[in-house]
């Protein structure tokens, strides 16, 4: 894996997640009364997914995104994992 890809993935994932979590945190602990949307906490849990998609697109284009999707959602695996 390329270090640039790892850094991009971590940066995008954390940025997306914390951008949505920060208003919830500030409202809860400091009573700031910032606007939030319904389900904002759960939407922020897609940060790692968004990070993977955006990183694949930016670093390798649609071909890279397709390869990532094939690996991520493949149902093929070695038979030894069935036992575990």
PDB file of N, CA and C in Angstrom:
ATOM      1  N   UNK A   1       0.837  -1.181   0.000  1.00  0.00           N
ATOM      2  CA  UNK A   1       0.000   0.000   0.000  1.00  0.00           C
ATOM      3  C   UNK A   1       0.883   1.246   0.000  1.00  0.00           C
ATOM      4  N   UNK A   2       0.409   2.251  -0.630  1.00  0.00           N
ATOM      5  CA  UNK A   2       1.132   3.505  -0.751  1.00  0.00           C
ATOM      6  C   UNK A   2       0.852   4.393   0.468  1.00  0.00           C
ATOM      7  N   UNK A   3       1.894   5.020   1.004  1.00  0.00           N
ATOM      8  CA  UNK A   3       1.745   5.872   2.181  1.00  0.00           C
ATOM      9  C   UNK A   3       0.806   7.048   1.912  1.00  0.00           C
ATOM     10  N   UNK A   4       0.849   7.597   0.699  1.00  0.00           N
ATOM     11  CA  UNK A   4      -0.045   8.710   0.351  1.00  0.00           C
ATOM     12  C   UNK A   4      -1.510   8.283   0.423  1.00  0.00           C
ATOM     13  N   UNK A   5      -1.791   7.059  -0.027  1.00  0.00           N
ATOM     14  CA  UNK A   5      -3.165   6.564   0.027  1.00  0.00           C
ATOM     15  C   UNK A   5      -3.632   6.393   1.464  1.00  0.00           C
ATOM     16  N   UNK A   6      -2.761   5.880   2.301  1.00  0.00           N
ATOM     17  CA  UNK A   6      -3.119   5.677   3.707  1.00  0.00           C
ATOM     18  C   UNK A   6      -3.385   7.015   4.386  1.00  0.00           C
ATOM     19  N   UNK A   7      -2.515   7.975   4.156  1.00  0.00           N
ATOM     20  CA  UNK A   7      -2.697   9.300   4.758  1.00  0.00           C
ATOM     21  C   UNK A   7      -3.977   9.960   4.247  1.00  0.00           C
ATOM     22  N   UNK A   8      -4.249   9.846   2.950  1.00  0.00           N
ATOM     23  CA  UNK A   8      -5.480  10.418   2.388  1.00  0.00           C
ATOM     24  C   UNK A   8      -6.710   9.755   2.987  1.00  0.00           C
ATOM     25  N   UNK A   9      -6.683   8.427   3.106  1.00  0.00           N
ATOM     26  CA  UNK A   9      -7.820   7.697   3.669  1.00  0.00           C
ATOM     27  C   UNK A   9      -8.093   8.125   5.109  1.00  0.00           C
ATOM     28  N   UNK A  10      -7.051   8.162   5.926  1.00  0.00           N
ATOM     29  CA  UNK A  10      -7.228   8.531   7.327  1.00  0.00           C
ATOM     30  C   UNK A  10      -7.724   9.969   7.456  1.00  0.00           C
ATOM     31  N   UNK A  11      -7.162  10.869   6.669  1.00  0.00           N
ATOM     32  CA  UNK A  11      -7.563  12.273   6.720  1.00  0.00           C
ATOM     33  C   UNK A  11      -9.025  12.454   6.323  1.00  0.00           C
ATOM     34  N   UNK A  12      -9.436  11.823   5.232  1.00  0.00           N
ATOM     35  CA  UNK A  12     -10.823  11.959   4.763  1.00  0.00           C
ATOM     36  C   UNK A  12     -11.797  11.313   5.745  1.00  0.00           C
ATOM     37  N   UNK A  13     -11.463  10.131   6.222  1.00  0.00           N
ATOM     38  CA  UNK A  13     -12.351   9.423   7.154  1.00  0.00           C
ATOM     39  C   UNK A  13     -12.571  10.218   8.432  1.00  0.00           C
ATOM     40  N   UNK A  14     -11.481  10.660   9.048  1.00  0.00           N
ATOM     41  CA  UNK A  14     -11.601  11.421  10.290  1.00  0.00           C
ATOM     42  C   UNK A  14     -12.277  12.769  10.056  1.00  0.00           C
ATOM     43  N   UNK A  15     -11.953  13.429   8.964  1.00  0.00           N
ATOM     44  CA  UNK A  15     -12.561  14.737   8.685  1.00  0.00           C
ATOM     45  C   UNK A  15     -14.073  14.629   8.535  1.00  0.00           C
ATOM     46  N   UNK A  16     -14.527  13.650   7.766  1.00  0.00           N
ATOM     47  CA  UNK A  16     -15.962  13.465   7.567  1.00  0.00           C
ATOM     48  C   UNK A  16     -16.650  13.144   8.891  1.00  0.00           C
ATOM     49  N   UNK A  17     -16.078  12.196   9.613  1.00  0.00           N
ATOM     50  CA  UNK A  17     -16.698  11.751  10.858  1.00  0.00           C
ATOM     51  C   UNK A  17     -16.747  12.870  11.893  1.00  0.00           C
ATOM     52  N   UNK A  18     -15.629  13.533  12.133  1.00  0.00           N
ATOM     53  CA  UNK A  18     -15.585  14.558  13.167  1.00  0.00           C
ATOM     54  C   UNK A  18     -16.295  15.845  12.773  1.00  0.00           C
ATOM     55  N   UNK A  19     -16.418  16.112  11.493  1.00  0.00           N
ATOM     56  CA  UNK A  19     -17.202  17.269  11.075  1.00  0.00           C
ATOM     57  C   UNK A  19     -18.662  17.093  11.496  1.00  0.00           C
ATOM     58  N   UNK A  20     -19.136  15.865  11.463  1.00  0.00           N
ATOM     59  CA  UNK A  20     -20.513  15.606  11.885  1.00  0.00           C
ATOM     60  C   UNK A  20     -20.639  15.384  13.394  1.00  0.00           C
ATOM     61  N   UNK A  21     -19.610  14.853  14.027  1.00  0.00           N
ATOM     62  CA  UNK A  21     -19.668  14.610  15.473  1.00  0.00           C
ATOM     63  C   UNK A  21     -19.440  15.861  16.300  1.00  0.00           C
ATOM     64  N   UNK A  22     -18.651  16.790  15.808  1.00  0.00           N
ATOM     65  CA  UNK A  22     -18.280  17.955  16.604  1.00  0.00           C
ATOM     66  C   UNK A  22     -19.484  18.779  17.078  1.00  0.00           C
ATOM     67  N   UNK A  23     -20.461  19.090  16.230  1.00  0.00           N
ATOM     68  CA  UNK A  23     -21.627  19.830  16.751  1.00  0.00           C
ATOM     69  C   UNK A  23     -22.375  19.068  17.852  1.00  0.00           C
ATOM     70  N   UNK A  24     -22.453  17.748  17.727  1.00  0.00           N
ATOM     71  CA  UNK A  24     -23.120  16.959  18.762  1.00  0.00           C
ATOM     72  C   UNK A  24     -22.361  17.038  20.082  1.00  0.00           C
ATOM     73  N   UNK A  25     -21.041  16.953  19.995  1.00  0.00           N
ATOM     74  CA  UNK A  25     -20.194  17.039  21.184  1.00  0.00           C
ATOM     75  C   UNK A  25     -20.311  18.409  21.847  1.00  0.00           C
ATOM     76  N   UNK A  26     -20.237  19.461  21.036  1.00  0.00           N
ATOM     77  CA  UNK A  26     -20.316  20.812  21.584  1.00  0.00           C
ATOM     78  C   UNK A  26     -21.688  21.104  22.190  1.00  0.00           C
ATOM     79  N   UNK A  27     -22.733  20.603  21.572  1.00  0.00           N
ATOM     80  CA  UNK A  27     -24.082  20.789  22.127  1.00  0.00           C
ATOM     81  C   UNK A  27     -24.216  20.080  23.464  1.00  0.00           C
ATOM     82  N   UNK A  28     -23.714  18.882  23.519  1.00  0.00           N
ATOM     83  CA  UNK A  28     -23.874  18.053  24.708  1.00  0.00           C
ATOM     84  C   UNK A  28     -23.074  18.589  25.900  1.00  0.00           C
ATOM     85  N   UNK A  29     -21.822  18.923  25.672  1.00  0.00           N
ATOM     86  CA  UNK A  29     -20.948  19.279  26.787  1.00  0.00           C
ATOM     87  C   UNK A  29     -20.888  20.775  27.088  1.00  0.00           C
ATOM     88  N   UNK A  30     -21.159  21.600  26.104  1.00  0.00           N
ATOM     89  CA  UNK A  30     -21.040  23.037  26.322  1.00  0.00           C
ATOM     90  C   UNK A  30     -22.337  23.799  26.078  1.00  0.00           C
ATOM     91  N   UNK A  31     -23.418  23.095  25.746  1.00  0.00           N
ATOM     92  CA  UNK A  31     -24.713  23.726  25.554  1.00  0.00           C
ATOM     93  C   UNK A  31     -24.724  24.794  24.480  1.00  0.00           C
ATOM     94  N   UNK A  32     -24.012  24.564  23.395  1.00  0.00           N
ATOM     95  CA  UNK A  32     -23.870  25.591  22.363  1.00  0.00           C
ATOM     96  C   UNK A  32     -25.098  25.722  21.466  1.00  0.00           C
ATOM     97  N   UNK A  33     -25.967  24.742  21.448  1.00  0.00           N
ATOM     98  CA  UNK A  33     -27.203  24.793  20.681  1.00  0.00           C
ATOM     99  C   UNK A  33     -26.958  24.953  19.178  1.00  0.00           C
ATOM    100  N   UNK A  34     -25.996  24.221  18.648  1.00  0.00           N
ATOM    101  CA  UNK A  34     -25.707  24.235  17.211  1.00  0.00           C
ATOM    102  C   UNK A  34     -26.750  23.404  16.473  1.00  0.00           C
ATOM    103  N   UNK A  35     -27.065  23.749  15.236  1.00  0.00           N
ATOM    104  CA  UNK A  35     -28.061  22.974  14.488  1.00  0.00           C
ATOM    105  C   UNK A  35     -27.518  21.585  14.145  1.00  0.00           C
ATOM    106  N   UNK A  36     -28.388  20.607  14.274  1.00  0.00           N
ATOM    107  CA  UNK A  36     -28.040  19.236  13.901  1.00  0.00           C
ATOM    108  C   UNK A  36     -29.172  18.667  13.066  1.00  0.00           C
ATOM    109  N   UNK A  37     -28.871  17.588  12.333  1.00  0.00           N
ATOM    110  CA  UNK A  37     -29.902  16.919  11.536  1.00  0.00           C
ATOM    111  C   UNK A  37     -30.239  15.585  12.187  1.00  0.00           C
ATOM    112  N   UNK A  38     -31.397  15.106  11.895  1.00  0.00           N
ATOM    113  CA  UNK A  38     -31.827  13.832  12.443  1.00  0.00           C
ATOM    114  C   UNK A  38     -30.921  12.708  11.942  1.00  0.00           C
ATOM    115  N   UNK A  39     -30.433  11.905  12.839  1.00  0.00           N
ATOM    116  CA  UNK A  39     -29.570  10.792  12.471  1.00  0.00           C
ATOM    117  C   UNK A  39     -28.135  11.179  12.186  1.00  0.00           C
ATOM    118  N   UNK A  40     -27.737  12.358  12.600  1.00  0.00           N
ATOM    119  CA  UNK A  40     -26.392  12.858  12.307  1.00  0.00           C
ATOM    120  C   UNK A  40     -25.309  11.948  12.869  1.00  0.00           C
ATOM    121  N   UNK A  41     -25.512  11.397  14.052  1.00  0.00           N
ATOM    122  CA  UNK A  41     -24.535  10.503  14.653  1.00  0.00           C
ATOM    123  C   UNK A  41     -24.339   9.260  13.793  1.00  0.00           C
ATOM    124  N   UNK A  42     -25.436   8.718  13.281  1.00  0.00           N
ATOM    125  CA  UNK A  42     -25.356   7.502  12.476  1.00  0.00           C
ATOM    126  C   UNK A  42     -24.797   7.776  11.076  1.00  0.00           C
ATOM    127  N   UNK A  43     -25.101   8.918  10.519  1.00  0.00           N
ATOM    128  CA  UNK A  43     -24.552   9.288   9.210  1.00  0.00           C
ATOM    129  C   UNK A  43     -23.033   9.411   9.294  1.00  0.00           C
ATOM    130  N   UNK A  44     -22.543   9.919  10.408  1.00  0.00           N
ATOM    131  CA  UNK A  44     -21.097  10.092  10.557  1.00  0.00           C
ATOM    132  C   UNK A  44     -20.356   8.762  10.599  1.00  0.00           C
ATOM    133  N   UNK A  45     -21.045   7.686  10.891  1.00  0.00           N
ATOM    134  CA  UNK A  45     -20.385   6.373  10.925  1.00  0.00           C
ATOM    135  C   UNK A  45     -19.985   5.895   9.526  1.00  0.00           C
ATOM    136  N   UNK A  46     -20.435   6.587   8.498  1.00  0.00           N
ATOM    137  CA  UNK A  46     -20.027   6.243   7.134  1.00  0.00           C
ATOM    138  C   UNK A  46     -18.695   6.887   6.753  1.00  0.00           C
ATOM    139  N   UNK A  47     -18.018   7.532   7.685  1.00  0.00           N
ATOM    140  CA  UNK A  47     -16.735   8.170   7.431  1.00  0.00           C
ATOM    141  C   UNK A  47     -15.702   7.242   6.809  1.00  0.00           C
ATOM    142  N   UNK A  48     -15.485   6.044   7.355  1.00  0.00           N
ATOM    143  CA  UNK A  48     -14.518   5.137   6.738  1.00  0.00           C
ATOM    144  C   UNK A  48     -14.906   4.711   5.319  1.00  0.00           C
ATOM    145  N   UNK A  49     -16.193   4.507   5.084  1.00  0.00           N
ATOM    146  CA  UNK A  49     -16.648   4.152   3.739  1.00  0.00           C
ATOM    147  C   UNK A  49     -16.406   5.297   2.764  1.00  0.00           C
ATOM    148  N   UNK A  50     -16.782   6.507   3.179  1.00  0.00           N
ATOM    149  CA  UNK A  50     -16.571   7.687   2.340  1.00  0.00           C
ATOM    150  C   UNK A  50     -15.076   7.875   2.076  1.00  0.00           C
ATOM    151  N   UNK A  51     -14.261   7.676   3.102  1.00  0.00           N
ATOM    152  CA  UNK A  51     -12.821   7.793   2.943  1.00  0.00           C
ATOM    153  C   UNK A  51     -12.269   6.814   1.928  1.00  0.00           C
ATOM    154  N   UNK A  52     -12.745   5.577   1.960  1.00  0.00           N
ATOM    155  CA  UNK A  52     -12.279   4.566   1.013  1.00  0.00           C
ATOM    156  C   UNK A  52     -12.708   4.897  -0.413  1.00  0.00           C
ATOM    157  N   UNK A  53     -13.938   5.306  -0.591  1.00  0.00           N
ATOM    158  CA  UNK A  53     -14.440   5.631  -1.928  1.00  0.00           C
ATOM    159  C   UNK A  53     -13.707   6.837  -2.509  1.00  0.00           C
ATOM    160  N   UNK A  54     -13.602   7.902  -1.731  1.00  0.00           N
ATOM    161  CA  UNK A  54     -12.957   9.122  -2.229  1.00  0.00           C
ATOM    162  C   UNK A  54     -11.478   8.875  -2.504  1.00  0.00           C
ATOM    163  N   UNK A  55     -10.801   8.168  -1.611  1.00  0.00           N
ATOM    164  CA  UNK A  55      -9.381   7.873  -1.824  1.00  0.00           C
ATOM    165  C   UNK A  55      -9.174   7.048  -3.083  1.00  0.00           C
ATOM    166  N   UNK A  56     -10.020   6.047  -3.291  1.00  0.00           N
ATOM    167  CA  UNK A  56      -9.902   5.234  -4.508  1.00  0.00           C
ATOM    168  C   UNK A  56     -10.129   6.063  -5.761  1.00  0.00           C
ATOM    169  N   UNK A  57     -11.128   6.924  -5.726  1.00  0.00           N
ATOM    170  CA  UNK A  57     -11.415   7.767  -6.894  1.00  0.00           C
ATOM    171  C   UNK A  57     -10.296   8.754  -7.180  1.00  0.00           C
ATOM    172  N   UNK A  58      -9.818   9.426  -6.157  1.00  0.00           N
ATOM    173  CA  UNK A  58      -8.810  10.465  -6.354  1.00  0.00           C
ATOM    174  C   UNK A  58      -7.464   9.866  -6.747  1.00  0.00           C
ATOM    175  N   UNK A  59      -7.076   8.782  -6.097  1.00  0.00           N
ATOM    176  CA  UNK A  59      -5.752   8.202  -6.338  1.00  0.00           C
ATOM    177  C   UNK A  59      -5.689   7.314  -7.578  1.00  0.00           C
ATOM    178  N   UNK A  60      -6.815   6.708  -7.957  1.00  0.00           N
ATOM    179  CA  UNK A  60      -6.738   5.770  -9.073  1.00  0.00           C
ATOM    180  C   UNK A  60      -7.868   5.848 -10.079  1.00  0.00           C
ATOM    181  N   UNK A  61      -8.819   6.717  -9.872  1.00  0.00           N
ATOM    182  CA  UNK A  61      -9.928   6.855 -10.816  1.00  0.00           C
ATOM    183  C   UNK A  61     -10.987   5.779 -10.640  1.00  0.00           C
ATOM    184  N   UNK A  62     -11.884   5.708 -11.618  1.00  0.00           N
ATOM    185  CA  UNK A  62     -13.004   4.767 -11.540  1.00  0.00           C
ATOM    186  C   UNK A  62     -12.547   3.316 -11.623  1.00  0.00           C
ATOM    187  N   UNK A  63     -11.450   3.066 -12.322  1.00  0.00           N
ATOM    188  CA  UNK A  63     -10.928   1.706 -12.399  1.00  0.00           C
ATOM    189  C   UNK A  63     -10.512   1.226 -11.010  1.00  0.00           C
ATOM    190  N   UNK A  64      -9.826   2.075 -10.275  1.00  0.00           N
ATOM    191  CA  UNK A  64      -9.395   1.737  -8.921  1.00  0.00           C
ATOM    192  C   UNK A  64     -10.596   1.538  -7.996  1.00  0.00           C
ATOM    193  N   UNK A  65     -11.615   2.370  -8.166  1.00  0.00           N
ATOM    194  CA  UNK A  65     -12.828   2.223  -7.352  1.00  0.00           C
ATOM    195  C   UNK A  65     -13.505   0.893  -7.635  1.00  0.00           C
ATOM    196  N   UNK A  66     -13.568   0.503  -8.899  1.00  0.00           N
ATOM    197  CA  UNK A  66     -14.160  -0.782  -9.254  1.00  0.00           C
ATOM    198  C   UNK A  66     -13.390  -1.952  -8.668  1.00  0.00           C
ATOM    199  N   UNK A  67     -12.057  -1.872  -8.703  1.00  0.00           N
ATOM    200  CA  UNK A  67     -11.231  -2.928  -8.119  1.00  0.00           C
ATOM    201  C   UNK A  67     -11.433  -3.009  -6.612  1.00  0.00           C
ATOM    202  N   UNK A  68     -11.514  -1.849  -5.966  1.00  0.00           N
ATOM    203  CA  UNK A  68     -11.751  -1.832  -4.523  1.00  0.00           C
ATOM    204  C   UNK A  68     -13.107  -2.455  -4.187  1.00  0.00           C
ATOM    205  N   UNK A  69     -14.128  -2.093  -4.951  1.00  0.00           N
ATOM    206  CA  UNK A  69     -15.466  -2.627  -4.690  1.00  0.00           C
ATOM    207  C   UNK A  69     -15.500  -4.141  -4.868  1.00  0.00           C
ATOM    208  N   UNK A  70     -14.809  -4.647  -5.874  1.00  0.00           N
ATOM    209  CA  UNK A  70     -14.760  -6.099  -6.071  1.00  0.00           C
ATOM    210  C   UNK A  70     -14.121  -6.790  -4.876  1.00  0.00           C
ATOM    211  N   UNK A  71     -13.025  -6.230  -4.374  1.00  0.00           N
ATOM    212  CA  UNK A  71     -12.346  -6.839  -3.219  1.00  0.00           C
ATOM    213  C   UNK A  71     -13.175  -6.693  -1.953  1.00  0.00           C
ATOM    214  N   UNK A  72     -13.771  -5.532  -1.766  1.00  0.00           N
ATOM    215  CA  UNK A  72     -14.495  -5.273  -0.524  1.00  0.00           C
ATOM    216  C   UNK A  72     -15.780  -6.088  -0.404  1.00  0.00           C
ATOM    217  N   UNK A  73     -16.430  -6.334  -1.519  1.00  0.00           N
ATOM    218  CA  UNK A  73     -17.717  -7.018  -1.477  1.00  0.00           C
ATOM    219  C   UNK A  73     -17.681  -8.396  -2.122  1.00  0.00           C
ATOM    220  N   UNK A  74     -16.518  -8.994  -2.158  1.00  0.00           N
ATOM    221  CA  UNK A  74     -16.377 -10.330  -2.719  1.00  0.00           C
ATOM    222  C   UNK A  74     -16.886 -11.361  -1.715  1.00  0.00           C
ATOM    223  N   UNK A  75     -17.566 -12.373  -2.216  1.00  0.00           N
ATOM    224  CA  UNK A  75     -18.022 -13.435  -1.325  1.00  0.00           C
ATOM    225  C   UNK A  75     -17.134 -14.669  -1.453  1.00  0.00           C
ATOM    226  N   UNK A  76     -16.060 -14.553  -2.213  1.00  0.00           N
ATOM    227  CA  UNK A  76     -15.119 -15.658  -2.358  1.00  0.00           C
ATOM    228  C   UNK A  76     -14.066 -15.568  -1.258  1.00  0.00           C
ATOM    229  N   UNK A  77     -13.848 -16.697  -0.610  1.00  0.00           N
ATOM    230  CA  UNK A  77     -12.844 -16.770   0.412  1.00  0.00           C
ATOM    231  C   UNK A  77     -12.382 -18.212   0.546  1.00  0.00           C
ATOM    232  N   UNK A  78     -11.263 -18.411   1.218  1.00  0.00           N
ATOM    233  CA  UNK A  78     -10.721 -19.748   1.365  1.00  0.00           C
ATOM    234  C   UNK A  78     -11.627 -20.574   2.285  1.00  0.00           C
ATOM    235  N   UNK A  79     -11.699 -21.861   1.991  1.00  0.00           N
ATOM    236  CA  UNK A  79     -12.600 -22.734   2.730  1.00  0.00           C
ATOM    237  C   UNK A  79     -12.225 -22.860   4.203  1.00  0.00           C
ATOM    238  N   UNK A  80     -10.969 -22.598   4.568  1.00  0.00           N
ATOM    239  CA  UNK A  80     -10.584 -22.706   5.978  1.00  0.00           C
ATOM    240  C   UNK A  80     -11.340 -21.685   6.848  1.00  0.00           C
ATOM    241  N   UNK A  81     -11.812 -20.588   6.259  1.00  0.00           N
ATOM    242  CA  UNK A  81     -12.522 -19.576   7.022  1.00  0.00           C
ATOM    243  C   UNK A  81     -13.941 -19.998   7.362  1.00  0.00           C
ATOM    244  N   UNK A  82     -14.475 -20.980   6.673  1.00  0.00           N
ATOM    245  CA  UNK A  82     -15.805 -21.499   6.995  1.00  0.00           C
ATOM    246  C   UNK A  82     -15.775 -22.191   8.345  1.00  0.00           C
ATOM    247  N   UNK A  83     -14.689 -22.895   8.637  1.00  0.00           N
ATOM    248  CA  UNK A  83     -14.545 -23.607   9.896  1.00  0.00           C
ATOM    249  C   UNK A  83     -14.453 -22.639  11.070  1.00  0.00           C
ATOM    250  N   UNK A  84     -13.767 -21.538  10.845  1.00  0.00           N
ATOM    251  CA  UNK A  84     -13.583 -20.559  11.923  1.00  0.00           C
ATOM    252  C   UNK A  84     -14.877 -19.820  12.110  1.00  0.00           C
TER     253      UNK A  84
END
